[in-house]
Amino acid sequence: MSWKTETSLADLDAEAQIEVTCKDPECDHMRYELAGDLRQRKGFARLYLDEVEARLTCGSRGCGHAVRLQIMLDLHEEGFVAGMP
């Protein structure tokens, strides 16, 4: 089991960004999809992310290879803070 088999599109906020990257090393095309937009597609609303990954293909012209999904988190970079005795 992985996070993709345990997380469904319905679990994600509609504005959550999902990075979709082509698995073909020669193509390496990347795009962003919103979870809400993916839920709007026919048959996608109740899918888990591993199933979404299996159904999506590369959007680059003439490619059509399999893709890898990553959820983009809104993290803020902060410097390391440590106390010295």
C-alpha atoms as a PDB file:
ATOM      1  CA  MET A   1       0.000   0.000   0.000  1.00  0.00           C
ATOM      2  CA  SER A   2       1.159   3.507  -0.778  1.00  0.00           C
ATOM      3  CA  TRP A   3      -0.263   6.969  -0.384  1.00  0.00           C
ATOM      4  CA  LYS A   4      -1.645   6.760  -3.920  1.00  0.00           C
ATOM      5  CA  THR A   5      -3.739   3.681  -3.101  1.00  0.00           C
ATOM      6  CA  GLU A   6      -5.046   5.253   0.115  1.00  0.00           C
ATOM      7  CA  THR A   7      -5.888   8.750  -1.199  1.00  0.00           C
ATOM      8  CA  SER A   8      -8.796   9.449  -3.507  1.00  0.00           C
ATOM      9  CA  LEU A   9      -9.486  12.567  -5.544  1.00  0.00           C
ATOM     10  CA  ALA A  10     -12.466  13.213  -3.264  1.00  0.00           C
ATOM     11  CA  ASP A  11     -10.063  13.475  -0.291  1.00  0.00           C
ATOM     12  CA  LEU A  12      -8.212  16.394  -1.874  1.00  0.00           C
ATOM     13  CA  ASP A  13      -9.222  20.034  -1.834  1.00  0.00           C
ATOM     14  CA  ALA A  14     -10.560  21.163  -5.214  1.00  0.00           C
ATOM     15  CA  GLU A  15      -7.676  23.672  -5.506  1.00  0.00           C
ATOM     16  CA  ALA A  16      -4.965  21.094  -4.730  1.00  0.00           C
ATOM     17  CA  GLN A  17      -2.363  21.066  -7.488  1.00  0.00           C
ATOM     18  CA  ILE A  18      -1.229  17.735  -8.868  1.00  0.00           C
ATOM     19  CA  GLU A  19       1.976  17.567 -10.878  1.00  0.00           C
ATOM     20  CA  VAL A  20       1.639  15.174 -13.839  1.00  0.00           C
ATOM     21  CA  THR A  21       5.042  14.140 -15.260  1.00  0.00           C
ATOM     22  CA  CYS A  22       5.685  11.860 -18.251  1.00  0.00           C
ATOM     23  CA  LYS A  23       7.592   8.685 -17.356  1.00  0.00           C
ATOM     24  CA  ASP A  24       9.345   8.606 -20.752  1.00  0.00           C
ATOM     25  CA  PRO A  25      12.871   9.970 -20.097  1.00  0.00           C
ATOM     26  CA  GLU A  26      13.076  11.350 -23.624  1.00  0.00           C
ATOM     27  CA  CYS A  27       9.879  13.377 -23.204  1.00  0.00           C
ATOM     28  CA  ASP A  28       9.810  14.374 -19.495  1.00  0.00           C
ATOM     29  CA  HIS A  29       6.814  16.679 -20.189  1.00  0.00           C
ATOM     30  CA  MET A  30       5.242  18.104 -17.026  1.00  0.00           C
ATOM     31  CA  ARG A  31       1.917  19.832 -16.384  1.00  0.00           C
ATOM     32  CA  TYR A  32      -0.243  20.770 -13.408  1.00  0.00           C
ATOM     33  CA  GLU A  33      -3.849  19.676 -12.914  1.00  0.00           C
ATOM     34  CA  LEU A  34      -6.244  20.813 -10.212  1.00  0.00           C
ATOM     35  CA  ALA A  35      -7.920  18.044  -8.230  1.00  0.00           C
ATOM     36  CA  GLY A  36     -11.297  19.711  -8.833  1.00  0.00           C
ATOM     37  CA  ASP A  37     -10.754  19.689 -12.598  1.00  0.00           C
ATOM     38  CA  LEU A  38      -9.818  15.995 -12.547  1.00  0.00           C
ATOM     39  CA  ARG A  39     -12.969  15.184 -10.542  1.00  0.00           C
ATOM     40  CA  GLN A  40     -15.029  16.817 -13.310  1.00  0.00           C
ATOM     41  CA  ARG A  41     -13.815  14.275 -15.873  1.00  0.00           C
ATOM     42  CA  LYS A  42     -16.178  11.423 -16.603  1.00  0.00           C
ATOM     43  CA  GLY A  43     -15.525   8.469 -14.278  1.00  0.00           C
ATOM     44  CA  PHE A  44     -12.796  10.181 -12.232  1.00  0.00           C
ATOM     45  CA  ALA A  45     -14.779  11.485  -9.231  1.00  0.00           C
ATOM     46  CA  ARG A  46     -14.403   8.392  -7.034  1.00  0.00           C
ATOM     47  CA  LEU A  47     -10.979   7.180  -8.204  1.00  0.00           C
ATOM     48  CA  TYR A  48      -7.940   6.730  -6.004  1.00  0.00           C
ATOM     49  CA  LEU A  49      -4.766   8.459  -7.135  1.00  0.00           C
ATOM     50  CA  ASP A  50      -3.138   5.221  -8.345  1.00  0.00           C
ATOM     51  CA  GLU A  51      -6.161   4.705 -10.610  1.00  0.00           C
ATOM     52  CA  VAL A  52      -5.987   8.306 -11.836  1.00  0.00           C
ATOM     53  CA  GLU A  53      -2.286   7.819 -12.587  1.00  0.00           C
ATOM     54  CA  ALA A  54      -3.077   4.669 -14.587  1.00  0.00           C
ATOM     55  CA  ARG A  55      -5.742   6.456 -16.678  1.00  0.00           C
ATOM     56  CA  LEU A  56      -3.887   9.675 -17.446  1.00  0.00           C
ATOM     57  CA  THR A  57      -1.359   9.895 -20.275  1.00  0.00           C
ATOM     58  CA  CYS A  58       1.257  12.423 -21.301  1.00  0.00           C
ATOM     59  CA  GLY A  59      -0.240  15.510 -22.904  1.00  0.00           C
ATOM     60  CA  SER A  60       2.745  16.247 -25.116  1.00  0.00           C
ATOM     61  CA  ARG A  61       1.998  16.031 -28.832  1.00  0.00           C
ATOM     62  CA  GLY A  62       2.659  12.519 -30.148  1.00  0.00           C
ATOM     63  CA  CYS A  63       3.810  11.060 -26.806  1.00  0.00           C
ATOM     64  CA  GLY A  64       0.921   9.429 -24.914  1.00  0.00           C
ATOM     65  CA  HIS A  65       3.173   7.561 -22.443  1.00  0.00           C
ATOM     66  CA  ALA A  66       2.300   6.803 -18.821  1.00  0.00           C
ATOM     67  CA  VAL A  67       2.625   9.532 -16.195  1.00  0.00           C
ATOM     68  CA  ARG A  68       3.639   9.906 -12.548  1.00  0.00           C
ATOM     69  CA  LEU A  69       1.597  11.991 -10.082  1.00  0.00           C
ATOM     70  CA  GLN A  70       2.807  14.180  -7.236  1.00  0.00           C
ATOM     71  CA  ILE A  71       0.714  16.353  -4.951  1.00  0.00           C
ATOM     72  CA  MET A  72       2.148  19.834  -4.645  1.00  0.00           C
ATOM     73  CA  LEU A  73       2.103  21.105  -1.069  1.00  0.00           C
ATOM     74  CA  ASP A  74       2.024  24.757  -0.108  1.00  0.00           C
ATOM     75  CA  LEU A  75       5.070  24.726   2.145  1.00  0.00           C
ATOM     76  CA  HIS A  76       6.971  27.773   3.272  1.00  0.00           C
ATOM     77  CA  GLU A  77      10.739  27.629   3.428  1.00  0.00           C
ATOM     78  CA  GLU A  78      12.132  28.550   6.776  1.00  0.00           C
ATOM     79  CA  GLY A  79      15.703  28.672   7.964  1.00  0.00           C
ATOM     80  CA  PHE A  80      17.000  26.177  10.485  1.00  0.00           C
ATOM     81  CA  VAL A  81      16.751  27.562  13.997  1.00  0.00           C
ATOM     82  CA  ALA A  82      18.653  25.867  16.780  1.00  0.00           C
ATOM     83  CA  GLY A  83      19.690  27.055  20.186  1.00  0.00           C
ATOM     84  CA  MET A  84      23.315  26.969  21.267  1.00  0.00           C
ATOM     85  CA  PRO A  85      23.935  26.447  24.990  1.00  0.00           C
END
